[in-house]
Amino acid sequence: MDNKKIGERLRALRGDKTQKEVADAIGTTAMAISNYESGERVPYDGIKMKLAEYYGVTVQSIFFT
């Protein structure tokens, strides 16, 4: 999967929330969320699961389709 596409999906899921709101909710930093959304990094599996749970979607739908 293309990191830029993953980043676009994460940005779309975040909607009107701030990166800090999402980061606080899943136990990471706003900088990490920024890196994921820009495609610079892909989160490790534990964070993938927390992001999917937070957004109410599957890990598969964000990272593997």
PDB file of N, CA and C in Angstrom:
ATOM      1  N   MET A   1       0.851  -1.200   0.000  1.00  0.00           N
ATOM      2  CA  MET A   1       0.000   0.000   0.000  1.00  0.00           C
ATOM      3  C   MET A   1       0.880   1.242   0.000  1.00  0.00           C
ATOM      4  N   ASP A   2       0.439   2.204  -0.701  1.00  0.00           N
ATOM      5  CA  ASP A   2       1.139   3.473  -0.866  1.00  0.00           C
ATOM      6  C   ASP A   2       0.932   4.355   0.381  1.00  0.00           C
ATOM      7  N   ASN A   3       2.030   4.795   0.983  1.00  0.00           N
ATOM      8  CA  ASN A   3       1.966   5.607   2.212  1.00  0.00           C
ATOM      9  C   ASN A   3       1.165   6.885   2.027  1.00  0.00           C
ATOM     10  N   LYS A   4       1.228   7.486   0.837  1.00  0.00           N
ATOM     11  CA  LYS A   4       0.478   8.730   0.590  1.00  0.00           C
ATOM     12  C   LYS A   4      -1.025   8.456   0.631  1.00  0.00           C
ATOM     13  N   LYS A   5      -1.440   7.322   0.069  1.00  0.00           N
ATOM     14  CA  LYS A   5      -2.868   6.964   0.083  1.00  0.00           C
ATOM     15  C   LYS A   5      -3.345   6.716   1.513  1.00  0.00           C
ATOM     16  N   ILE A   6      -2.511   6.042   2.293  1.00  0.00           N
ATOM     17  CA  ILE A   6      -2.847   5.818   3.705  1.00  0.00           C
ATOM     18  C   ILE A   6      -3.006   7.166   4.401  1.00  0.00           C
ATOM     19  N   GLY A   7      -2.083   8.073   4.151  1.00  0.00           N
ATOM     20  CA  GLY A   7      -2.155   9.402   4.752  1.00  0.00           C
ATOM     21  C   GLY A   7      -3.421  10.141   4.378  1.00  0.00           C
ATOM     22  N   GLU A   8      -3.811  10.041   3.101  1.00  0.00           N
ATOM     23  CA  GLU A   8      -5.044  10.693   2.648  1.00  0.00           C
ATOM     24  C   GLU A   8      -6.254  10.113   3.366  1.00  0.00           C
ATOM     25  N   ARG A   9      -6.268   8.799   3.533  1.00  0.00           N
ATOM     26  CA  ARG A   9      -7.394   8.169   4.251  1.00  0.00           C
ATOM     27  C   ARG A   9      -7.441   8.638   5.695  1.00  0.00           C
ATOM     28  N   LEU A  10      -6.286   8.684   6.334  1.00  0.00           N
ATOM     29  CA  LEU A  10      -6.246   9.123   7.738  1.00  0.00           C
ATOM     30  C   LEU A  10      -6.703  10.571   7.878  1.00  0.00           C
ATOM     31  N   ARG A  11      -6.283  11.423   6.961  1.00  0.00           N
ATOM     32  CA  ARG A  11      -6.729  12.837   6.996  1.00  0.00           C
ATOM     33  C   ARG A  11      -8.241  12.919   6.822  1.00  0.00           C
ATOM     34  N   ALA A  12      -8.773  12.151   5.883  1.00  0.00           N
ATOM     35  CA  ALA A  12     -10.224  12.168   5.635  1.00  0.00           C
ATOM     36  C   ALA A  12     -10.987  11.671   6.858  1.00  0.00           C
ATOM     37  N   LEU A  13     -10.490  10.628   7.493  1.00  0.00           N
ATOM     38  CA  LEU A  13     -11.164  10.097   8.684  1.00  0.00           C
ATOM     39  C   LEU A  13     -11.134  11.100   9.831  1.00  0.00           C
ATOM     40  N   ARG A  14     -10.057  11.845   9.949  1.00  0.00           N
ATOM     41  CA  ARG A  14      -9.921  12.800  11.068  1.00  0.00           C
ATOM     42  C   ARG A  14     -10.950  13.917  10.973  1.00  0.00           C
ATOM     43  N   GLY A  15     -11.323  14.297   9.751  1.00  0.00           N
ATOM     44  CA  GLY A  15     -12.347  15.327   9.575  1.00  0.00           C
ATOM     45  C   GLY A  15     -11.998  16.626  10.275  1.00  0.00           C
ATOM     46  N   ASP A  16     -12.893  17.097  11.150  1.00  0.00           N
ATOM     47  CA  ASP A  16     -12.721  18.384  11.829  1.00  0.00           C
ATOM     48  C   ASP A  16     -11.911  18.300  13.116  1.00  0.00           C
ATOM     49  N   LYS A  17     -11.562  17.092  13.521  1.00  0.00           N
ATOM     50  CA  LYS A  17     -10.769  16.954  14.747  1.00  0.00           C
ATOM     51  C   LYS A  17      -9.334  17.428  14.492  1.00  0.00           C
ATOM     52  N   THR A  18      -8.678  17.862  15.560  1.00  0.00           N
ATOM     53  CA  THR A  18      -7.266  18.243  15.408  1.00  0.00           C
ATOM     54  C   THR A  18      -6.400  16.991  15.520  1.00  0.00           C
ATOM     55  N   GLN A  19      -5.177  17.107  15.023  1.00  0.00           N
ATOM     56  CA  GLN A  19      -4.234  15.994  15.166  1.00  0.00           C
ATOM     57  C   GLN A  19      -3.988  15.706  16.642  1.00  0.00           C
ATOM     58  N   LYS A  20      -3.962  16.748  17.462  1.00  0.00           N
ATOM     59  CA  LYS A  20      -3.740  16.567  18.900  1.00  0.00           C
ATOM     60  C   LYS A  20      -4.889  15.802  19.547  1.00  0.00           C
ATOM     61  N   GLU A  21      -6.129  16.095  19.150  1.00  0.00           N
ATOM     62  CA  GLU A  21      -7.276  15.363  19.701  1.00  0.00           C
ATOM     63  C   GLU A  21      -7.152  13.866  19.424  1.00  0.00           C
ATOM     64  N   VAL A  22      -6.821  13.546  18.182  1.00  0.00           N
ATOM     65  CA  VAL A  22      -6.678  12.137  17.804  1.00  0.00           C
ATOM     66  C   VAL A  22      -5.507  11.516  18.564  1.00  0.00           C
ATOM     67  N   ALA A  23      -4.392  12.219  18.597  1.00  0.00           N
ATOM     68  CA  ALA A  23      -3.205  11.707  19.283  1.00  0.00           C
ATOM     69  C   ALA A  23      -3.481  11.434  20.759  1.00  0.00           C
ATOM     70  N   ASP A  24      -4.132  12.379  21.423  1.00  0.00           N
ATOM     71  CA  ASP A  24      -4.453  12.213  22.843  1.00  0.00           C
ATOM     72  C   ASP A  24      -5.364  11.011  23.055  1.00  0.00           C
ATOM     73  N   ALA A  25      -6.316  10.822  22.154  1.00  0.00           N
ATOM     74  CA  ALA A  25      -7.286   9.740  22.290  1.00  0.00           C
ATOM     75  C   ALA A  25      -6.648   8.358  22.127  1.00  0.00           C
ATOM     76  N   ILE A  26      -5.609   8.275  21.301  1.00  0.00           N
ATOM     77  CA  ILE A  26      -5.020   6.950  21.060  1.00  0.00           C
ATOM     78  C   ILE A  26      -3.656   6.767  21.729  1.00  0.00           C
ATOM     79  N   GLY A  27      -3.185   7.792  22.421  1.00  0.00           N
ATOM     80  CA  GLY A  27      -1.956   7.649  23.187  1.00  0.00           C
ATOM     81  C   GLY A  27      -0.676   7.815  22.379  1.00  0.00           C
ATOM     82  N   THR A  28      -0.689   8.760  21.452  1.00  0.00           N
ATOM     83  CA  THR A  28       0.528   9.066  20.712  1.00  0.00           C
ATOM     84  C   THR A  28       0.670  10.579  20.637  1.00  0.00           C
ATOM     85  N   THR A  29       1.547  11.080  19.785  1.00  0.00           N
ATOM     86  CA  THR A  29       1.758  12.522  19.692  1.00  0.00           C
ATOM     87  C   THR A  29       1.129  13.089  18.425  1.00  0.00           C
ATOM     88  N   ALA A  30       0.862  14.387  18.453  1.00  0.00           N
ATOM     89  CA  ALA A  30       0.343  15.061  17.262  1.00  0.00           C
ATOM     90  C   ALA A  30       1.359  14.961  16.123  1.00  0.00           C
ATOM     91  N   MET A  31       2.654  14.994  16.451  1.00  0.00           N
ATOM     92  CA  MET A  31       3.689  14.871  15.423  1.00  0.00           C
ATOM     93  C   MET A  31       3.612  13.502  14.743  1.00  0.00           C
ATOM     94  N   ALA A  32       3.349  12.469  15.519  1.00  0.00           N
ATOM     95  CA  ALA A  32       3.204  11.128  14.927  1.00  0.00           C
ATOM     96  C   ALA A  32       2.019  11.105  13.966  1.00  0.00           C
ATOM     97  N   ILE A  33       0.891  11.676  14.386  1.00  0.00           N
ATOM     98  CA  ILE A  33      -0.289  11.729  13.506  1.00  0.00           C
ATOM     99  C   ILE A  33       0.059  12.497  12.238  1.00  0.00           C
ATOM    100  N   SER A  34       0.759  13.602  12.374  1.00  0.00           N
ATOM    101  CA  SER A  34       1.176  14.389  11.221  1.00  0.00           C
ATOM    102  C   SER A  34       2.034  13.551  10.270  1.00  0.00           C
ATOM    103  N   ASN A  35       2.976  12.795  10.830  1.00  0.00           N
ATOM    104  CA  ASN A  35       3.831  11.941  10.007  1.00  0.00           C
ATOM    105  C   ASN A  35       3.029  10.868   9.280  1.00  0.00           C
ATOM    106  N   TYR A  36       2.045  10.280   9.944  1.00  0.00           N
ATOM    107  CA  TYR A  36       1.213   9.254   9.304  1.00  0.00           C
ATOM    108  C   TYR A  36       0.391   9.879   8.179  1.00  0.00           C
ATOM    109  N   GLU A  37      -0.176  11.050   8.445  1.00  0.00           N
ATOM    110  CA  GLU A  37      -1.043  11.699   7.448  1.00  0.00           C
ATOM    111  C   GLU A  37      -0.264  12.221   6.249  1.00  0.00           C
ATOM    112  N   SER A  38       0.995  12.557   6.441  1.00  0.00           N
ATOM    113  CA  SER A  38       1.802  13.057   5.324  1.00  0.00           C
ATOM    114  C   SER A  38       2.440  11.914   4.533  1.00  0.00           C
ATOM    115  N   GLY A  39       2.305  10.696   5.048  1.00  0.00           N
ATOM    116  CA  GLY A  39       2.892   9.550   4.367  1.00  0.00           C
ATOM    117  C   GLY A  39       4.356   9.343   4.675  1.00  0.00           C
ATOM    118  N   GLU A  40       4.895  10.111   5.629  1.00  0.00           N
ATOM    119  CA  GLU A  40       6.308   9.961   5.985  1.00  0.00           C
ATOM    120  C   GLU A  40       6.559   8.681   6.761  1.00  0.00           C
ATOM    121  N   ARG A  41       5.565   8.251   7.525  1.00  0.00           N
ATOM    122  CA  ARG A  41       5.699   7.036   8.317  1.00  0.00           C
ATOM    123  C   ARG A  41       4.390   6.268   8.287  1.00  0.00           C
ATOM    124  N   VAL A  42       4.502   4.976   8.520  1.00  0.00           N
ATOM    125  CA  VAL A  42       3.315   4.128   8.695  1.00  0.00           C
ATOM    126  C   VAL A  42       3.337   3.664  10.143  1.00  0.00           C
ATOM    127  N   PRO A  43       2.212   3.770  10.834  1.00  0.00           N
ATOM    128  CA  PRO A  43       2.209   3.385  12.252  1.00  0.00           C
ATOM    129  C   PRO A  43       2.464   1.898  12.450  1.00  0.00           C
ATOM    130  N   TYR A  44       3.019   1.559  13.604  1.00  0.00           N
ATOM    131  CA  TYR A  44       3.177   0.142  13.927  1.00  0.00           C
ATOM    132  C   TYR A  44       1.802  -0.453  14.239  1.00  0.00           C
ATOM    133  N   ASP A  45       1.743  -1.772  14.327  1.00  0.00           N
ATOM    134  CA  ASP A  45       0.458  -2.470  14.389  1.00  0.00           C
ATOM    135  C   ASP A  45      -0.436  -2.032  15.547  1.00  0.00           C
ATOM    136  N   GLY A  46       0.156  -1.785  16.725  1.00  0.00           N
ATOM    137  CA  GLY A  46      -0.658  -1.371  17.865  1.00  0.00           C
ATOM    138  C   GLY A  46      -1.372  -0.049  17.611  1.00  0.00           C
ATOM    139  N   ILE A  47      -0.684   0.882  16.971  1.00  0.00           N
ATOM    140  CA  ILE A  47      -1.283   2.183  16.648  1.00  0.00           C
ATOM    141  C   ILE A  47      -2.302   2.029  15.511  1.00  0.00           C
ATOM    142  N   LYS A  48      -2.007   1.166  14.554  1.00  0.00           N
ATOM    143  CA  LYS A  48      -2.995   0.903  13.487  1.00  0.00           C
ATOM    144  C   LYS A  48      -4.310   0.452  14.103  1.00  0.00           C
ATOM    145  N   MET A  49      -4.232  -0.456  15.081  1.00  0.00           N
ATOM    146  CA  MET A  49      -5.452  -0.956  15.708  1.00  0.00           C
ATOM    147  C   MET A  49      -6.171   0.139  16.485  1.00  0.00           C
ATOM    148  N   LYS A  50      -5.410   0.976  17.181  1.00  0.00           N
ATOM    149  CA  LYS A  50      -6.030   2.070  17.942  1.00  0.00           C
ATOM    150  C   LYS A  50      -6.687   3.091  17.012  1.00  0.00           C
ATOM    151  N   LEU A  51      -6.030   3.407  15.901  1.00  0.00           N
ATOM    152  CA  LEU A  51      -6.617   4.346  14.929  1.00  0.00           C
ATOM    153  C   LEU A  51      -7.915   3.789  14.359  1.00  0.00           C
ATOM    154  N   ALA A  52      -7.892   2.523  13.968  1.00  0.00           N
ATOM    155  CA  ALA A  52      -9.090   1.906  13.395  1.00  0.00           C
ATOM    156  C   ALA A  52     -10.232   1.909  14.405  1.00  0.00           C
ATOM    157  N   GLU A  53      -9.926   1.548  15.650  1.00  0.00           N
ATOM    158  CA  GLU A  53     -10.957   1.527  16.689  1.00  0.00           C
ATOM    159  C   GLU A  53     -11.502   2.939  16.928  1.00  0.00           C
ATOM    160  N   TYR A  54     -10.608   3.913  17.017  1.00  0.00           N
ATOM    161  CA  TYR A  54     -11.007   5.304  17.246  1.00  0.00           C
ATOM    162  C   TYR A  54     -11.944   5.801  16.144  1.00  0.00           C
ATOM    163  N   TYR A  55     -11.605   5.481  14.891  1.00  0.00           N
ATOM    164  CA  TYR A  55     -12.414   5.950  13.761  1.00  0.00           C
ATOM    165  C   TYR A  55     -13.595   5.031  13.447  1.00  0.00           C
ATOM    166  N   GLY A  56     -13.685   3.896  14.122  1.00  0.00           N
ATOM    167  CA  GLY A  56     -14.810   2.989  13.907  1.00  0.00           C
ATOM    168  C   GLY A  56     -14.770   2.282  12.559  1.00  0.00           C
ATOM    169  N   VAL A  57     -13.562   1.995  12.100  1.00  0.00           N
ATOM    170  CA  VAL A  57     -13.388   1.286  10.831  1.00  0.00           C
ATOM    171  C   VAL A  57     -12.413   0.135  11.063  1.00  0.00           C
ATOM    172  N   THR A  58     -12.173  -0.656  10.026  1.00  0.00           N
ATOM    173  CA  THR A  58     -11.234  -1.765  10.167  1.00  0.00           C
ATOM    174  C   THR A  58      -9.824  -1.312   9.812  1.00  0.00           C
ATOM    175  N   VAL A  59      -8.847  -2.003  10.375  1.00  0.00           N
ATOM    176  CA  VAL A  59      -7.442  -1.765  10.022  1.00  0.00           C
ATOM    177  C   VAL A  59      -7.289  -1.981   8.511  1.00  0.00           C
ATOM    178  N   GLN A  60      -7.919  -3.039   8.031  1.00  0.00           N
ATOM    179  CA  GLN A  60      -7.861  -3.373   6.596  1.00  0.00           C
ATOM    180  C   GLN A  60      -8.304  -2.189   5.729  1.00  0.00           C
ATOM    181  N   SER A  61      -9.387  -1.549   6.111  1.00  0.00           N
ATOM    182  CA  SER A  61      -9.946  -0.478   5.270  1.00  0.00           C
ATOM    183  C   SER A  61      -9.033   0.750   5.204  1.00  0.00           C
ATOM    184  N   ILE A  62      -8.221   0.961   6.227  1.00  0.00           N
ATOM    185  CA  ILE A  62      -7.310   2.117   6.207  1.00  0.00           C
ATOM    186  C   ILE A  62      -5.996   1.756   5.523  1.00  0.00           C
ATOM    187  N   PHE A  63      -5.446   0.619   5.889  1.00  0.00           N
ATOM    188  CA  PHE A  63      -4.051   0.347   5.534  1.00  0.00           C
ATOM    189  C   PHE A  63      -3.834  -0.663   4.410  1.00  0.00           C
ATOM    190  N   PHE A  64      -4.864  -1.437   4.052  1.00  0.00           N
ATOM    191  CA  PHE A  64      -4.603  -2.545   3.128  1.00  0.00           C
ATOM    192  C   PHE A  64      -5.559  -2.643   1.940  1.00  0.00           C
ATOM    193  N   THR A  65      -6.305  -1.579   1.622  1.00  0.00           N
ATOM    194  CA  THR A  65      -7.206  -1.690   0.470  1.00  0.00           C
ATOM    195  C   THR A  65      -6.840  -0.669  -0.580  1.00  0.00           C
TER     196      THR A  65
END
